Amino acid sequence: MYILLALIAACALGVALHYLLPRRDLRGVAVTPAITTAAAAAIYTILQWSGVGEDVFWLWVASIGGGILIALLATLALSAQRARHDAAEKQALGI
């Protein structure tokens, strides 16, 4: 059940991250929080399966912090790719 606390925290921080990063108009509002939550869930689960207890501070730091880091990198990459694609489309259409 403690995984829900980590996922809620990761999702809330993912929403904040969406609004802190540039090029918000090039991505959906749910992309960054979804990536953050999915990454935090995967990291939390892997650490739990490897034997890290729920009372260990580093489980929380790794899952929430790792989720934010992965979402940061993925969001920046997706935004840059979308900007390049849009520029290429405008050039191809002669706009």
PDB file of N, CA and C in Angstrom:
ATOM      1  N   MET A   1       0.803  -1.200   0.000  1.00  0.00           N
ATOM      2  CA  MET A   1       0.000   0.000   0.000  1.00  0.00           C
ATOM      3  C   MET A   1       0.847   1.266   0.000  1.00  0.00           C
ATOM      4  N   TYR A   2       2.074   1.169   0.494  1.00  0.00           N
ATOM      5  CA  TYR A   2       2.921   2.353   0.521  1.00  0.00           C
ATOM      6  C   TYR A   2       3.310   2.827  -0.880  1.00  0.00           C
ATOM      7  N   ILE A   3       3.211   1.938  -1.839  1.00  0.00           N
ATOM      8  CA  ILE A   3       3.539   2.334  -3.208  1.00  0.00           C
ATOM      9  C   ILE A   3       2.593   3.438  -3.683  1.00  0.00           C
ATOM     10  N   LEU A   4       1.366   3.432  -3.184  1.00  0.00           N
ATOM     11  CA  LEU A   4       0.421   4.486  -3.578  1.00  0.00           C
ATOM     12  C   LEU A   4       0.902   5.866  -3.145  1.00  0.00           C
ATOM     13  N   LEU A   5       1.521   5.959  -1.971  1.00  0.00           N
ATOM     14  CA  LEU A   5       2.051   7.242  -1.520  1.00  0.00           C
ATOM     15  C   LEU A   5       3.159   7.728  -2.444  1.00  0.00           C
ATOM     16  N   ALA A   6       4.018   6.813  -2.835  1.00  0.00           N
ATOM     17  CA  ALA A   6       5.102   7.178  -3.747  1.00  0.00           C
ATOM     18  C   ALA A   6       4.555   7.585  -5.110  1.00  0.00           C
ATOM     19  N   LEU A   7       3.544   6.891  -5.593  1.00  0.00           N
ATOM     20  CA  LEU A   7       2.987   7.205  -6.906  1.00  0.00           C
ATOM     21  C   LEU A   7       2.206   8.512  -6.899  1.00  0.00           C
ATOM     22  N   ILE A   8       1.495   8.787  -5.821  1.00  0.00           N
ATOM     23  CA  ILE A   8       0.772  10.062  -5.730  1.00  0.00           C
ATOM     24  C   ILE A   8       1.761  11.217  -5.675  1.00  0.00           C
ATOM     25  N   ALA A   9       2.821  11.060  -4.891  1.00  0.00           N
ATOM     26  CA  ALA A   9       3.848  12.104  -4.811  1.00  0.00           C
ATOM     27  C   ALA A   9       4.526  12.297  -6.161  1.00  0.00           C
ATOM     28  N   ALA A  10       4.848  11.207  -6.837  1.00  0.00           N
ATOM     29  CA  ALA A  10       5.502  11.298  -8.144  1.00  0.00           C
ATOM     30  C   ALA A  10       4.591  11.967  -9.165  1.00  0.00           C
ATOM     31  N   CYS A  11       3.322  11.637  -9.148  1.00  0.00           N
ATOM     32  CA  CYS A  11       2.381  12.238 -10.095  1.00  0.00           C
ATOM     33  C   CYS A  11       2.230  13.730  -9.833  1.00  0.00           C
ATOM     34  N   ALA A  12       2.111  14.114  -8.581  1.00  0.00           N
ATOM     35  CA  ALA A  12       1.987  15.536  -8.245  1.00  0.00           C
ATOM     36  C   ALA A  12       3.237  16.306  -8.655  1.00  0.00           C
ATOM     37  N   LEU A  13       4.400  15.730  -8.423  1.00  0.00           N
ATOM     38  CA  LEU A  13       5.635  16.387  -8.836  1.00  0.00           C
ATOM     39  C   LEU A  13       5.772  16.393 -10.362  1.00  0.00           C
ATOM     40  N   GLY A  14       5.210  15.391 -11.020  1.00  0.00           N
ATOM     41  CA  GLY A  14       5.191  15.364 -12.479  1.00  0.00           C
ATOM     42  C   GLY A  14       4.341  16.482 -13.058  1.00  0.00           C
ATOM     43  N   VAL A  15       3.228  16.790 -12.410  1.00  0.00           N
ATOM     44  CA  VAL A  15       2.392  17.913 -12.841  1.00  0.00           C
ATOM     45  C   VAL A  15       3.177  19.219 -12.694  1.00  0.00           C
ATOM     46  N   ALA A  16       3.850  19.371 -11.552  1.00  0.00           N
ATOM     47  CA  ALA A  16       4.664  20.576 -11.349  1.00  0.00           C
ATOM     48  C   ALA A  16       5.782  20.655 -12.380  1.00  0.00           C
ATOM     49  N   LEU A  17       6.394  19.521 -12.687  1.00  0.00           N
ATOM     50  CA  LEU A  17       7.471  19.492 -13.670  1.00  0.00           C
ATOM     51  C   LEU A  17       6.973  19.901 -15.048  1.00  0.00           C
ATOM     52  N   HIS A  18       5.762  19.478 -15.397  1.00  0.00           N
ATOM     53  CA  HIS A  18       5.179  19.865 -16.687  1.00  0.00           C
ATOM     54  C   HIS A  18       5.111  21.386 -16.812  1.00  0.00           C
ATOM     55  N   TYR A  19       4.693  22.049 -15.750  1.00  0.00           N
ATOM     56  CA  TYR A  19       4.549  23.499 -15.809  1.00  0.00           C
ATOM     57  C   TYR A  19       5.868  24.239 -15.664  1.00  0.00           C
ATOM     58  N   LEU A  20       6.887  23.579 -15.134  1.00  0.00           N
ATOM     59  CA  LEU A  20       8.193  24.216 -14.999  1.00  0.00           C
ATOM     60  C   LEU A  20       9.026  24.150 -16.276  1.00  0.00           C
ATOM     61  N   LEU A  21       8.786  23.150 -17.101  1.00  0.00           N
ATOM     62  CA  LEU A  21       9.588  22.963 -18.300  1.00  0.00           C
ATOM     63  C   LEU A  21       9.059  23.804 -19.463  1.00  0.00           C
ATOM     64  N   PRO A  22       9.958  24.202 -20.365  1.00  0.00           N
ATOM     65  CA  PRO A  22       9.515  25.000 -21.519  1.00  0.00           C
ATOM     66  C   PRO A  22       8.772  24.145 -22.546  1.00  0.00           C
ATOM     67  N   ARG A  23       8.186  24.812 -23.505  1.00  0.00           N
ATOM     68  CA  ARG A  23       7.473  24.187 -24.639  1.00  0.00           C
ATOM     69  C   ARG A  23       6.255  23.373 -24.200  1.00  0.00           C
ATOM     70  N   ARG A  24       5.510  23.886 -23.234  1.00  0.00           N
ATOM     71  CA  ARG A  24       4.315  23.180 -22.769  1.00  0.00           C
ATOM     72  C   ARG A  24       3.290  23.009 -23.881  1.00  0.00           C
ATOM     73  N   ASP A  25       3.302  23.928 -24.843  1.00  0.00           N
ATOM     74  CA  ASP A  25       2.312  23.867 -25.906  1.00  0.00           C
ATOM     75  C   ASP A  25       2.571  22.733 -26.897  1.00  0.00           C
ATOM     76  N   LEU A  26       3.720  22.095 -26.811  1.00  0.00           N
ATOM     77  CA  LEU A  26       4.059  21.018 -27.748  1.00  0.00           C
ATOM     78  C   LEU A  26       3.745  19.619 -27.213  1.00  0.00           C
ATOM     79  N   ARG A  27       3.241  19.547 -25.999  1.00  0.00           N
ATOM     80  CA  ARG A  27       2.940  18.224 -25.429  1.00  0.00           C
ATOM     81  C   ARG A  27       1.653  18.305 -24.619  1.00  0.00           C
ATOM     82  N   GLY A  28       1.060  17.176 -24.388  1.00  0.00           N
ATOM     83  CA  GLY A  28      -0.157  17.119 -23.595  1.00  0.00           C
ATOM     84  C   GLY A  28       0.134  17.304 -22.117  1.00  0.00           C
ATOM     85  N   VAL A  29      -0.876  17.725 -21.397  1.00  0.00           N
ATOM     86  CA  VAL A  29      -0.697  18.015 -19.983  1.00  0.00           C
ATOM     87  C   VAL A  29      -0.474  16.747 -19.159  1.00  0.00           C
ATOM     88  N   ALA A  30      -0.868  15.597 -19.661  1.00  0.00           N
ATOM     89  CA  ALA A  30      -0.735  14.359 -18.900  1.00  0.00           C
ATOM     90  C   ALA A  30       0.529  13.569 -19.233  1.00  0.00           C
ATOM     91  N   VAL A  31       1.311  14.010 -20.210  1.00  0.00           N
ATOM     92  CA  VAL A  31       2.478  13.239 -20.640  1.00  0.00           C
ATOM     93  C   VAL A  31       3.525  13.146 -19.532  1.00  0.00           C
ATOM     94  N   THR A  32       3.948  14.278 -19.017  1.00  0.00           N
ATOM     95  CA  THR A  32       5.004  14.289 -18.002  1.00  0.00           C
ATOM     96  C   THR A  32       4.568  13.589 -16.712  1.00  0.00           C
ATOM     97  N   PRO A  33       3.372  13.869 -16.165  1.00  0.00           N
ATOM     98  CA  PRO A  33       2.963  13.130 -14.972  1.00  0.00           C
ATOM     99  C   PRO A  33       2.839  11.623 -15.201  1.00  0.00           C
ATOM    100  N   ALA A  34       2.406  11.229 -16.386  1.00  0.00           N
ATOM    101  CA  ALA A  34       2.291   9.795 -16.681  1.00  0.00           C
ATOM    102  C   ALA A  34       3.659   9.124 -16.716  1.00  0.00           C
ATOM    103  N   ILE A  35       4.619   9.790 -17.333  1.00  0.00           N
ATOM    104  CA  ILE A  35       5.981   9.230 -17.381  1.00  0.00           C
ATOM    105  C   ILE A  35       6.562   9.159 -15.981  1.00  0.00           C
ATOM    106  N   THR A  36       6.373  10.207 -15.192  1.00  0.00           N
ATOM    107  CA  THR A  36       6.890  10.236 -13.831  1.00  0.00           C
ATOM    108  C   THR A  36       6.292   9.110 -12.996  1.00  0.00           C
ATOM    109  N   THR A  37       4.989   8.925 -13.086  1.00  0.00           N
ATOM    110  CA  THR A  37       4.313   7.909 -12.292  1.00  0.00           C
ATOM    111  C   THR A  37       4.725   6.506 -12.723  1.00  0.00           C
ATOM    112  N   ALA A  38       4.796   6.265 -14.015  1.00  0.00           N
ATOM    113  CA  ALA A  38       5.188   4.938 -14.501  1.00  0.00           C
ATOM    114  C   ALA A  38       6.626   4.605 -14.117  1.00  0.00           C
ATOM    115  N   ALA A  39       7.525   5.569 -14.241  1.00  0.00           N
ATOM    116  CA  ALA A  39       8.922   5.329 -13.879  1.00  0.00           C
ATOM    117  C   ALA A  39       9.056   5.099 -12.379  1.00  0.00           C
ATOM    118  N   ALA A  40       8.351   5.877 -11.572  1.00  0.00           N
ATOM    119  CA  ALA A  40       8.406   5.701 -10.119  1.00  0.00           C
ATOM    120  C   ALA A  40       7.856   4.332  -9.717  1.00  0.00           C
ATOM    121  N   ALA A  41       6.785   3.900 -10.379  1.00  0.00           N
ATOM    122  CA  ALA A  41       6.222   2.581 -10.077  1.00  0.00           C
ATOM    123  C   ALA A  41       7.201   1.470 -10.427  1.00  0.00           C
ATOM    124  N   ALA A  42       7.850   1.586 -11.564  1.00  0.00           N
ATOM    125  CA  ALA A  42       8.810   0.558 -11.973  1.00  0.00           C
ATOM    126  C   ALA A  42      10.005   0.512 -11.021  1.00  0.00           C
ATOM    127  N   ILE A  43      10.536   1.674 -10.666  1.00  0.00           N
ATOM    128  CA  ILE A  43      11.694   1.715  -9.766  1.00  0.00           C
ATOM    129  C   ILE A  43      11.313   1.188  -8.386  1.00  0.00           C
ATOM    130  N   TYR A  44      10.182   1.604  -7.873  1.00  0.00           N
ATOM    131  CA  TYR A  44       9.718   1.140  -6.564  1.00  0.00           C
ATOM    132  C   TYR A  44       9.549  -0.378  -6.554  1.00  0.00           C
ATOM    133  N   THR A  45       8.923  -0.902  -7.592  1.00  0.00           N
ATOM    134  CA  THR A  45       8.688  -2.342  -7.673  1.00  0.00           C
ATOM    135  C   THR A  45       9.995  -3.118  -7.774  1.00  0.00           C
ATOM    136  N   ILE A  46      10.910  -2.654  -8.600  1.00  0.00           N
ATOM    137  CA  ILE A  46      12.202  -3.340  -8.743  1.00  0.00           C
ATOM    138  C   ILE A  46      12.963  -3.343  -7.429  1.00  0.00           C
ATOM    139  N   LEU A  47      12.958  -2.213  -6.739  1.00  0.00           N
ATOM    140  CA  LEU A  47      13.659  -2.157  -5.456  1.00  0.00           C
ATOM    141  C   LEU A  47      12.984  -3.032  -4.402  1.00  0.00           C
ATOM    142  N   GLN A  48      11.669  -3.092  -4.422  1.00  0.00           N
ATOM    143  CA  GLN A  48      10.964  -3.968  -3.487  1.00  0.00           C
ATOM    144  C   GLN A  48      11.282  -5.436  -3.757  1.00  0.00           C
ATOM    145  N   TRP A  49      11.289  -5.822  -5.023  1.00  0.00           N
ATOM    146  CA  TRP A  49      11.611  -7.199  -5.377  1.00  0.00           C
ATOM    147  C   TRP A  49      13.055  -7.548  -5.041  1.00  0.00           C
ATOM    148  N   SER A  50      13.924  -6.548  -5.047  1.00  0.00           N
ATOM    149  CA  SER A  50      15.328  -6.820  -4.718  1.00  0.00           C
ATOM    150  C   SER A  50      15.571  -6.853  -3.217  1.00  0.00           C
ATOM    151  N   GLY A  51      14.551  -6.620  -2.424  1.00  0.00           N
ATOM    152  CA  GLY A  51      14.675  -6.793  -0.986  1.00  0.00           C
ATOM    153  C   GLY A  51      14.761  -5.526  -0.166  1.00  0.00           C
ATOM    154  N   VAL A  52      14.616  -4.370  -0.785  1.00  0.00           N
ATOM    155  CA  VAL A  52      14.647  -3.113  -0.039  1.00  0.00           C
ATOM    156  C   VAL A  52      13.305  -2.947   0.669  1.00  0.00           C
ATOM    157  N   GLY A  53      13.354  -2.686   1.966  1.00  0.00           N
ATOM    158  CA  GLY A  53      12.131  -2.557   2.744  1.00  0.00           C
ATOM    159  C   GLY A  53      11.444  -1.222   2.542  1.00  0.00           C
ATOM    160  N   GLU A  54      10.150  -1.197   2.886  1.00  0.00           N
ATOM    161  CA  GLU A  54       9.369   0.023   2.720  1.00  0.00           C
ATOM    162  C   GLU A  54       9.802   1.130   3.676  1.00  0.00           C
ATOM    163  N   ASP A  55      10.484   0.759   4.755  1.00  0.00           N
ATOM    164  CA  ASP A  55      10.907   1.753   5.730  1.00  0.00           C
ATOM    165  C   ASP A  55      12.263   2.374   5.408  1.00  0.00           C
ATOM    166  N   VAL A  56      12.869   1.953   4.310  1.00  0.00           N
ATOM    167  CA  VAL A  56      14.175   2.477   3.920  1.00  0.00           C
ATOM    168  C   VAL A  56      13.982   3.793   3.167  1.00  0.00           C
ATOM    169  N   PHE A  57      14.669   4.827   3.629  1.00  0.00           N
ATOM    170  CA  PHE A  57      14.558   6.160   3.046  1.00  0.00           C
ATOM    171  C   PHE A  57      14.954   6.171   1.581  1.00  0.00           C
ATOM    172  N   TRP A  58      15.951   5.411   1.208  1.00  0.00           N
ATOM    173  CA  TRP A  58      16.470   5.433  -0.170  1.00  0.00           C
ATOM    174  C   TRP A  58      15.500   4.830  -1.177  1.00  0.00           C
ATOM    175  N   LEU A  59      14.598   4.002  -0.722  1.00  0.00           N
ATOM    176  CA  LEU A  59      13.552   3.487  -1.616  1.00  0.00           C
ATOM    177  C   LEU A  59      12.693   4.640  -2.117  1.00  0.00           C
ATOM    178  N   TRP A  60      12.335   5.534  -1.227  1.00  0.00           N
ATOM    179  CA  TRP A  60      11.499   6.671  -1.578  1.00  0.00           C
ATOM    180  C   TRP A  60      12.267   7.670  -2.429  1.00  0.00           C
ATOM    181  N   VAL A  61      13.499   7.934  -2.054  1.00  0.00           N
ATOM    182  CA  VAL A  61      14.320   8.880  -2.824  1.00  0.00           C
ATOM    183  C   VAL A  61      14.552   8.358  -4.238  1.00  0.00           C
ATOM    184  N   ALA A  62      14.882   7.071  -4.335  1.00  0.00           N
ATOM    185  CA  ALA A  62      15.165   6.485  -5.648  1.00  0.00           C
ATOM    186  C   ALA A  62      13.916   6.437  -6.522  1.00  0.00           C
ATOM    187  N   SER A  63      12.789   6.040  -5.958  1.00  0.00           N
ATOM    188  CA  SER A  63      11.588   5.915  -6.791  1.00  0.00           C
ATOM    189  C   SER A  63      11.044   7.275  -7.211  1.00  0.00           C
ATOM    190  N   ILE A  64      10.911   8.197  -6.283  1.00  0.00           N
ATOM    191  CA  ILE A  64      10.366   9.509  -6.639  1.00  0.00           C
ATOM    192  C   ILE A  64      11.390  10.328  -7.418  1.00  0.00           C
ATOM    193  N   GLY A  65      12.624  10.368  -6.941  1.00  0.00           N
ATOM    194  CA  GLY A  65      13.670  11.120  -7.636  1.00  0.00           C
ATOM    195  C   GLY A  65      14.000  10.538  -8.992  1.00  0.00           C
ATOM    196  N   GLY A  66      14.070   9.218  -9.081  1.00  0.00           N
ATOM    197  CA  GLY A  66      14.330   8.574 -10.363  1.00  0.00           C
ATOM    198  C   GLY A  66      13.208   8.801 -11.352  1.00  0.00           C
ATOM    199  N   GLY A  67      11.974   8.770 -10.862  1.00  0.00           N
ATOM    200  CA  GLY A  67      10.834   9.044 -11.731  1.00  0.00           C
ATOM    201  C   GLY A  67      10.863  10.453 -12.281  1.00  0.00           C
ATOM    202  N   ILE A  68      11.229  11.402 -11.433  1.00  0.00           N
ATOM    203  CA  ILE A  68      11.325  12.791 -11.873  1.00  0.00           C
ATOM    204  C   ILE A  68      12.454  12.959 -12.887  1.00  0.00           C
ATOM    205  N   LEU A  69      13.588  12.341 -12.612  1.00  0.00           N
ATOM    206  CA  LEU A  69      14.725  12.452 -13.531  1.00  0.00           C
ATOM    207  C   LEU A  69      14.408  11.848 -14.897  1.00  0.00           C
ATOM    208  N   ILE A  70      13.818  10.679 -14.895  1.00  0.00           N
ATOM    209  CA  ILE A  70      13.448  10.031 -16.161  1.00  0.00           C
ATOM    210  C   ILE A  70      12.419  10.869 -16.909  1.00  0.00           C
ATOM    211  N   ALA A  71      11.426  11.388 -16.194  1.00  0.00           N
ATOM    212  CA  ALA A  71      10.407  12.216 -16.842  1.00  0.00           C
ATOM    213  C   ALA A  71      11.002  13.514 -17.373  1.00  0.00           C
ATOM    214  N   LEU A  72      11.944  14.087 -16.652  1.00  0.00           N
ATOM    215  CA  LEU A  72      12.602  15.313 -17.114  1.00  0.00           C
ATOM    216  C   LEU A  72      13.306  15.073 -18.438  1.00  0.00           C
ATOM    217  N   LEU A  73      14.095  14.016 -18.492  1.00  0.00           N
ATOM    218  CA  LEU A  73      14.836  13.707 -19.720  1.00  0.00           C
ATOM    219  C   LEU A  73      13.894  13.344 -20.867  1.00  0.00           C
ATOM    220  N   ALA A  74      12.888  12.534 -20.570  1.00  0.00           N
ATOM    221  CA  ALA A  74      11.946  12.126 -21.619  1.00  0.00           C
ATOM    222  C   ALA A  74      11.128  13.301 -22.134  1.00  0.00           C
ATOM    223  N   THR A  75      10.704  14.174 -21.238  1.00  0.00           N
ATOM    224  CA  THR A  75       9.904  15.327 -21.647  1.00  0.00           C
ATOM    225  C   THR A  75      10.718  16.292 -22.493  1.00  0.00           C
ATOM    226  N   LEU A  76      11.951  16.542 -22.094  1.00  0.00           N
ATOM    227  CA  LEU A  76      12.804  17.416 -22.896  1.00  0.00           C
ATOM    228  C   LEU A  76      13.065  16.814 -24.274  1.00  0.00           C
ATOM    229  N   ALA A  77      13.288  15.503 -24.323  1.00  0.00           N
ATOM    230  CA  ALA A  77      13.520  14.840 -25.610  1.00  0.00           C
ATOM    231  C   ALA A  77      12.271  14.870 -26.485  1.00  0.00           C
ATOM    232  N   LEU A  78      11.112  14.602 -25.893  1.00  0.00           N
ATOM    233  CA  LEU A  78       9.869  14.629 -26.665  1.00  0.00           C
ATOM    234  C   LEU A  78       9.558  16.029 -27.186  1.00  0.00           C
ATOM    235  N   SER A  79       9.783  17.038 -26.369  1.00  0.00           N
ATOM    236  CA  SER A  79       9.524  18.410 -26.796  1.00  0.00           C
ATOM    237  C   SER A  79      10.465  18.830 -27.925  1.00  0.00           C
ATOM    238  N   ALA A  80      11.729  18.454 -27.810  1.00  0.00           N
ATOM    239  CA  ALA A  80      12.693  18.794 -28.863  1.00  0.00           C
ATOM    240  C   ALA A  80      12.346  18.075 -30.165  1.00  0.00           C
ATOM    241  N   GLN A  81      11.963  16.806 -30.053  1.00  0.00           N
ATOM    242  CA  GLN A  81      11.590  16.048 -31.246  1.00  0.00           C
ATOM    243  C   GLN A  81      10.344  16.649 -31.895  1.00  0.00           C
ATOM    244  N   ARG A  82       9.391  17.039 -31.098  1.00  0.00           N
ATOM    245  CA  ARG A  82       8.164  17.637 -31.644  1.00  0.00           C
ATOM    246  C   ARG A  82       8.468  18.967 -32.324  1.00  0.00           C
ATOM    247  N   ALA A  83       9.358  19.776 -31.734  1.00  0.00           N
ATOM    248  CA  ALA A  83       9.715  21.057 -32.343  1.00  0.00           C
ATOM    249  C   ALA A  83      10.409  20.847 -33.680  1.00  0.00           C
ATOM    250  N   ARG A  84      11.323  19.862 -33.749  1.00  0.00           N
ATOM    251  CA  ARG A  84      11.996  19.566 -35.016  1.00  0.00           C
ATOM    252  C   ARG A  84      10.995  19.073 -36.059  1.00  0.00           C
ATOM    253  N   HIS A  85      10.097  18.206 -35.653  1.00  0.00           N
ATOM    254  CA  HIS A  85       9.106  17.661 -36.576  1.00  0.00           C
ATOM    255  C   HIS A  85       8.180  18.760 -37.091  1.00  0.00           C
ATOM    256  N   ASP A  86       7.738  19.642 -36.206  1.00  0.00           N
ATOM    257  CA  ASP A  86       6.870  20.732 -36.627  1.00  0.00           C
ATOM    258  C   ASP A  86       7.580  21.673 -37.590  1.00  0.00           C
ATOM    259  N   ALA A  87       8.859  21.957 -37.323  1.00  0.00           N
ATOM    260  CA  ALA A  87       9.625  22.830 -38.221  1.00  0.00           C
ATOM    261  C   ALA A  87       9.781  22.193 -39.598  1.00  0.00           C
ATOM    262  N   ALA A  88      10.033  20.892 -39.629  1.00  0.00           N
ATOM    263  CA  ALA A  88      10.168  20.184 -40.896  1.00  0.00           C
ATOM    264  C   ALA A  88       8.845  20.170 -41.659  1.00  0.00           C
ATOM    265  N   GLU A  89       7.738  19.981 -40.955  1.00  0.00           N
ATOM    266  CA  GLU A  89       6.423  19.992 -41.591  1.00  0.00           C
ATOM    267  C   GLU A  89       6.092  21.370 -42.154  1.00  0.00           C
ATOM    268  N   LYS A  90       6.424  22.421 -41.411  1.00  0.00           N
ATOM    269  CA  LYS A  90       6.158  23.779 -41.906  1.00  0.00           C
ATOM    270  C   LYS A  90       6.986  24.064 -43.155  1.00  0.00           C
ATOM    271  N   GLN A  91       8.226  23.593 -43.137  1.00  0.00           N
ATOM    272  CA  GLN A  91       9.085  23.799 -44.306  1.00  0.00           C
ATOM    273  C   GLN A  91       8.568  23.010 -45.501  1.00  0.00           C
ATOM    274  N   ALA A  92       8.127  21.795 -45.262  1.00  0.00           N
ATOM    275  CA  ALA A  92       7.606  20.965 -46.351  1.00  0.00           C
ATOM    276  C   ALA A  92       6.319  21.542 -46.934  1.00  0.00           C
ATOM    277  N   LEU A  93       5.512  22.169 -46.084  1.00  0.00           N
ATOM    278  CA  LEU A  93       4.256  22.747 -46.543  1.00  0.00           C
ATOM    279  C   LEU A  93       4.422  24.161 -47.080  1.00  0.00           C
ATOM    280  N   GLY A  94       5.615  24.726 -46.882  1.00  0.00           N
ATOM    281  CA  GLY A  94       5.877  26.078 -47.367  1.00  0.00           C
ATOM    282  C   GLY A  94       5.223  27.149 -46.529  1.00  0.00           C
ATOM    283  N   ILE A  95       5.047  26.856 -45.268  1.00  0.00           N
ATOM    284  CA  ILE A  95       4.410  27.839 -44.354  1.00  0.00           C
ATOM    285  C   ILE A  95       5.476  28.712 -43.737  1.00  0.00           C
TER     286      ILE A  95
END
